């Protein structure tokens, strides 16, 4: 019964493209029409910059957590004896 209900999922829209994609394409066309290739360069730069910044912050957060864990372990080991 549950399997039959899962297989009967209804799509809310049968459009080949979502409204979000239409808006993104519209903004891209409008930006290019207004500012030209400078707009494209800025958008691509921001996209790559955010990807790079996200990876860098993820790495730094991981290193901070690792350093805190090591400090906590060293403190617990050497101060309890």
N, C-alpha and C. Protein backbone atom coordinates (compact mmCIF):
# COMPACT_ATOMS: atom_id res chain seq x y z
N UNK A 1 0.81 -1.19 0.00
CA UNK A 1 0.00 0.00 0.00
C UNK A 1 0.86 1.26 0.00
N UNK A 2 1.88 1.30 0.88
CA UNK A 2 2.75 2.47 0.96
C UNK A 2 3.55 2.61 -0.34
N UNK A 3 4.00 1.50 -0.88
CA UNK A 3 4.77 1.53 -2.12
C UNK A 3 3.91 2.08 -3.27
N UNK A 4 2.66 1.71 -3.31
CA UNK A 4 1.77 2.20 -4.35
C UNK A 4 1.56 3.70 -4.21
N UNK A 5 1.49 4.20 -2.98
CA UNK A 5 1.32 5.63 -2.76
C UNK A 5 2.57 6.40 -3.15
N UNK A 6 3.74 5.83 -2.90
CA UNK A 6 4.99 6.48 -3.30
C UNK A 6 5.10 6.58 -4.81
N UNK A 7 4.67 5.53 -5.49
CA UNK A 7 4.78 5.52 -6.95
C UNK A 7 3.77 6.46 -7.61
N UNK A 8 2.76 6.88 -6.87
CA UNK A 8 1.72 7.74 -7.44
C UNK A 8 1.96 9.21 -7.12
N UNK A 9 3.24 9.61 -6.96
CA UNK A 9 3.54 11.01 -6.70
C UNK A 9 3.05 11.85 -7.87
N UNK A 10 2.46 12.98 -7.55
CA UNK A 10 1.98 13.88 -8.59
C UNK A 10 2.92 15.07 -8.69
N UNK A 11 3.29 15.39 -9.90
CA UNK A 11 4.09 16.58 -10.11
C UNK A 11 3.18 17.80 -10.04
N UNK A 12 3.68 18.83 -9.39
CA UNK A 12 2.86 20.03 -9.28
C UNK A 12 2.87 20.84 -10.57
N UNK A 13 3.89 20.63 -11.39
CA UNK A 13 4.00 21.39 -12.62
C UNK A 13 4.61 20.51 -13.70
N UNK A 14 4.08 20.61 -14.89
CA UNK A 14 4.62 19.84 -16.00
C UNK A 14 5.43 20.72 -16.95
N UNK A 15 5.84 21.91 -16.46
CA UNK A 15 6.64 22.80 -17.28
C UNK A 15 8.07 22.27 -17.37
N UNK A 16 8.72 22.45 -18.53
CA UNK A 16 10.09 21.96 -18.66
C UNK A 16 11.11 22.83 -17.94
N UNK A 17 10.72 24.03 -17.51
CA UNK A 17 11.65 24.94 -16.83
C UNK A 17 10.90 25.59 -15.67
N UNK A 18 11.62 25.84 -14.59
CA UNK A 18 10.97 26.41 -13.40
C UNK A 18 10.93 27.94 -13.49
N UNK A 19 10.11 28.52 -12.66
CA UNK A 19 9.97 29.97 -12.61
C UNK A 19 11.29 30.61 -12.16
N UNK A 20 11.99 29.96 -11.25
CA UNK A 20 13.28 30.48 -10.79
C UNK A 20 14.28 30.61 -11.92
N UNK A 21 14.32 29.61 -12.79
CA UNK A 21 15.24 29.67 -13.94
C UNK A 21 14.84 30.78 -14.89
N UNK A 22 13.55 30.98 -15.08
CA UNK A 22 13.07 32.06 -15.96
C UNK A 22 13.50 33.41 -15.40
N UNK A 23 13.39 33.60 -14.07
CA UNK A 23 13.81 34.85 -13.45
C UNK A 23 15.32 35.05 -13.57
N UNK A 24 16.10 33.99 -13.34
CA UNK A 24 17.55 34.11 -13.46
C UNK A 24 17.95 34.49 -14.89
N UNK A 25 17.35 33.85 -15.87
CA UNK A 25 17.66 34.17 -17.26
C UNK A 25 17.23 35.60 -17.59
N UNK A 26 16.08 36.00 -17.08
CA UNK A 26 15.60 37.37 -17.31
C UNK A 26 16.53 38.41 -16.71
N UNK A 27 16.98 38.18 -15.48
CA UNK A 27 17.92 39.12 -14.85
C UNK A 27 19.25 39.14 -15.58
N UNK A 28 19.71 37.99 -16.03
CA UNK A 28 20.97 37.94 -16.77
C UNK A 28 20.87 38.71 -18.09
N UNK A 29 19.78 38.54 -18.80
CA UNK A 29 19.59 39.26 -20.06
C UNK A 29 19.47 40.76 -19.82
N UNK A 30 18.71 41.15 -18.80
CA UNK A 30 18.54 42.57 -18.48
C UNK A 30 19.87 43.19 -18.04
N UNK A 31 20.63 42.50 -17.23
CA UNK A 31 21.93 43.00 -16.79
C UNK A 31 22.90 43.15 -17.94
N UNK A 32 22.90 42.17 -18.83
CA UNK A 32 23.79 42.24 -20.00
C UNK A 32 23.38 43.38 -20.91
N UNK A 33 22.07 43.57 -21.06
CA UNK A 33 21.58 44.66 -21.92
C UNK A 33 21.94 46.02 -21.34
N UNK A 34 21.90 46.15 -20.02
CA UNK A 34 22.19 47.43 -19.39
C UNK A 34 23.69 47.73 -19.27
N UNK A 35 24.47 46.73 -18.83
CA UNK A 35 25.87 46.98 -18.52
C UNK A 35 26.86 46.22 -19.40
N UNK A 36 26.42 45.32 -20.22
CA UNK A 36 27.31 44.62 -21.14
C UNK A 36 28.16 43.57 -20.46
N UNK A 37 29.38 43.40 -21.00
CA UNK A 37 30.26 42.34 -20.53
C UNK A 37 30.77 42.58 -19.12
N UNK A 38 30.73 43.82 -18.66
CA UNK A 38 31.14 44.11 -17.29
C UNK A 38 30.22 43.40 -16.30
N UNK A 39 28.94 43.40 -16.59
CA UNK A 39 27.97 42.71 -15.74
C UNK A 39 28.28 41.21 -15.69
N UNK A 40 28.57 40.63 -16.84
CA UNK A 40 28.88 39.20 -16.89
C UNK A 40 30.14 38.91 -16.08
N UNK A 41 31.16 39.75 -16.21
CA UNK A 41 32.42 39.54 -15.47
C UNK A 41 32.19 39.64 -13.97
N UNK A 42 31.39 40.60 -13.54
CA UNK A 42 31.12 40.77 -12.11
C UNK A 42 30.34 39.58 -11.56
N UNK A 43 29.33 39.12 -12.29
CA UNK A 43 28.53 37.98 -11.83
C UNK A 43 29.39 36.72 -11.75
N UNK A 44 30.21 36.48 -12.77
CA UNK A 44 31.08 35.30 -12.75
C UNK A 44 32.10 35.41 -11.62
N UNK A 45 32.65 36.62 -11.42
CA UNK A 45 33.60 36.83 -10.33
C UNK A 45 32.98 36.59 -8.97
N UNK A 46 31.76 37.08 -8.77
CA UNK A 46 31.08 36.85 -7.50
C UNK A 46 30.77 35.37 -7.29
N UNK A 47 30.36 34.69 -8.35
CA UNK A 47 30.05 33.26 -8.25
C UNK A 47 31.29 32.47 -7.85
N UNK A 48 32.40 32.72 -8.54
CA UNK A 48 33.65 32.00 -8.23
C UNK A 48 34.16 32.42 -6.85
N UNK A 49 34.05 33.71 -6.53
CA UNK A 49 34.51 34.19 -5.23
C UNK A 49 33.75 33.56 -4.08
N UNK A 50 32.43 33.45 -4.21
CA UNK A 50 31.64 32.83 -3.14
C UNK A 50 31.97 31.35 -3.00
N UNK A 51 32.17 30.66 -4.13
CA UNK A 51 32.56 29.24 -4.05
C UNK A 51 33.90 29.10 -3.33
N UNK A 52 34.86 29.96 -3.71
CA UNK A 52 36.19 29.92 -3.08
C UNK A 52 36.11 30.26 -1.60
N UNK A 53 35.36 31.32 -1.27
CA UNK A 53 35.23 31.75 0.12
C UNK A 53 34.53 30.68 0.96
N UNK A 54 33.53 30.03 0.39
CA UNK A 54 32.83 28.98 1.11
C UNK A 54 33.77 27.81 1.43
N UNK A 55 34.59 27.42 0.46
CA UNK A 55 35.55 26.35 0.69
C UNK A 55 36.61 26.74 1.70
N UNK A 56 37.09 27.98 1.61
CA UNK A 56 38.11 28.46 2.53
C UNK A 56 37.57 28.52 3.96
N UNK A 57 36.37 29.06 4.13
CA UNK A 57 35.78 29.12 5.47
C UNK A 57 35.49 27.74 6.04
N UNK A 58 35.09 26.82 5.19
CA UNK A 58 34.86 25.45 5.63
C UNK A 58 36.16 24.83 6.13
N UNK A 59 37.23 25.05 5.40
CA UNK A 59 38.54 24.52 5.80
C UNK A 59 39.00 25.14 7.12
N UNK A 60 38.86 26.46 7.24
CA UNK A 60 39.28 27.13 8.47
C UNK A 60 38.45 26.69 9.67
N UNK A 61 37.16 26.50 9.47
CA UNK A 61 36.31 26.03 10.56
C UNK A 61 36.72 24.62 10.99
N UNK A 62 37.03 23.76 10.02
CA UNK A 62 37.47 22.41 10.35
C UNK A 62 38.78 22.44 11.14
N UNK A 63 39.71 23.29 10.72
CA UNK A 63 40.97 23.41 11.44
C UNK A 63 40.77 23.96 12.85
N UNK A 64 39.86 24.91 13.01
CA UNK A 64 39.57 25.46 14.33
C UNK A 64 38.98 24.40 15.25
N UNK A 65 38.06 23.60 14.74
CA UNK A 65 37.46 22.53 15.54
C UNK A 65 38.51 21.49 15.91
N UNK A 66 39.38 21.15 14.96
CA UNK A 66 40.45 20.19 15.24
C UNK A 66 41.40 20.72 16.30
N UNK A 67 41.79 21.99 16.20
CA UNK A 67 42.69 22.59 17.20
C UNK A 67 42.03 22.63 18.57
N UNK A 68 40.76 22.96 18.63
CA UNK A 68 40.05 22.98 19.90
C UNK A 68 39.97 21.58 20.52
N UNK A 69 39.73 20.58 19.69
CA UNK A 69 39.65 19.20 20.20
C UNK A 69 41.01 18.75 20.73
N UNK A 70 42.07 19.06 20.00
CA UNK A 70 43.41 18.66 20.45
C UNK A 70 43.77 19.39 21.75
N UNK A 71 43.47 20.69 21.81
CA UNK A 71 43.74 21.46 23.03
C UNK A 71 42.96 20.90 24.22
N UNK A 72 41.73 20.56 23.99
CA UNK A 72 40.91 19.99 25.06
C UNK A 72 41.47 18.65 25.53
N UNK A 73 41.87 17.81 24.59
CA UNK A 73 42.44 16.51 24.97
C UNK A 73 43.74 16.67 25.73
N UNK A 74 44.62 17.54 25.26
CA UNK A 74 45.90 17.76 25.93
C UNK A 74 45.65 18.33 27.33
N UNK A 75 44.72 19.25 27.45
CA UNK A 75 44.41 19.83 28.76
C UNK A 75 43.86 18.77 29.71
N UNK A 76 42.97 17.95 29.23
CA UNK A 76 42.38 16.91 30.08
C UNK A 76 43.43 15.88 30.49
N UNK A 77 44.30 15.49 29.55
CA UNK A 77 45.29 14.45 29.85
C UNK A 77 46.33 14.96 30.84
N UNK A 78 46.88 16.16 30.62
CA UNK A 78 48.00 16.62 31.44
C UNK A 78 47.57 17.32 32.74
N UNK A 79 46.36 17.81 32.81
CA UNK A 79 45.96 18.47 34.04
C UNK A 79 45.25 17.53 35.02
N UNK A 80 44.87 16.35 34.59
CA UNK A 80 44.21 15.43 35.50
C UNK A 80 45.21 14.57 36.24
N UNK A 81 46.45 14.48 35.75
CA UNK A 81 47.46 13.63 36.41
C UNK A 81 48.43 14.43 37.18
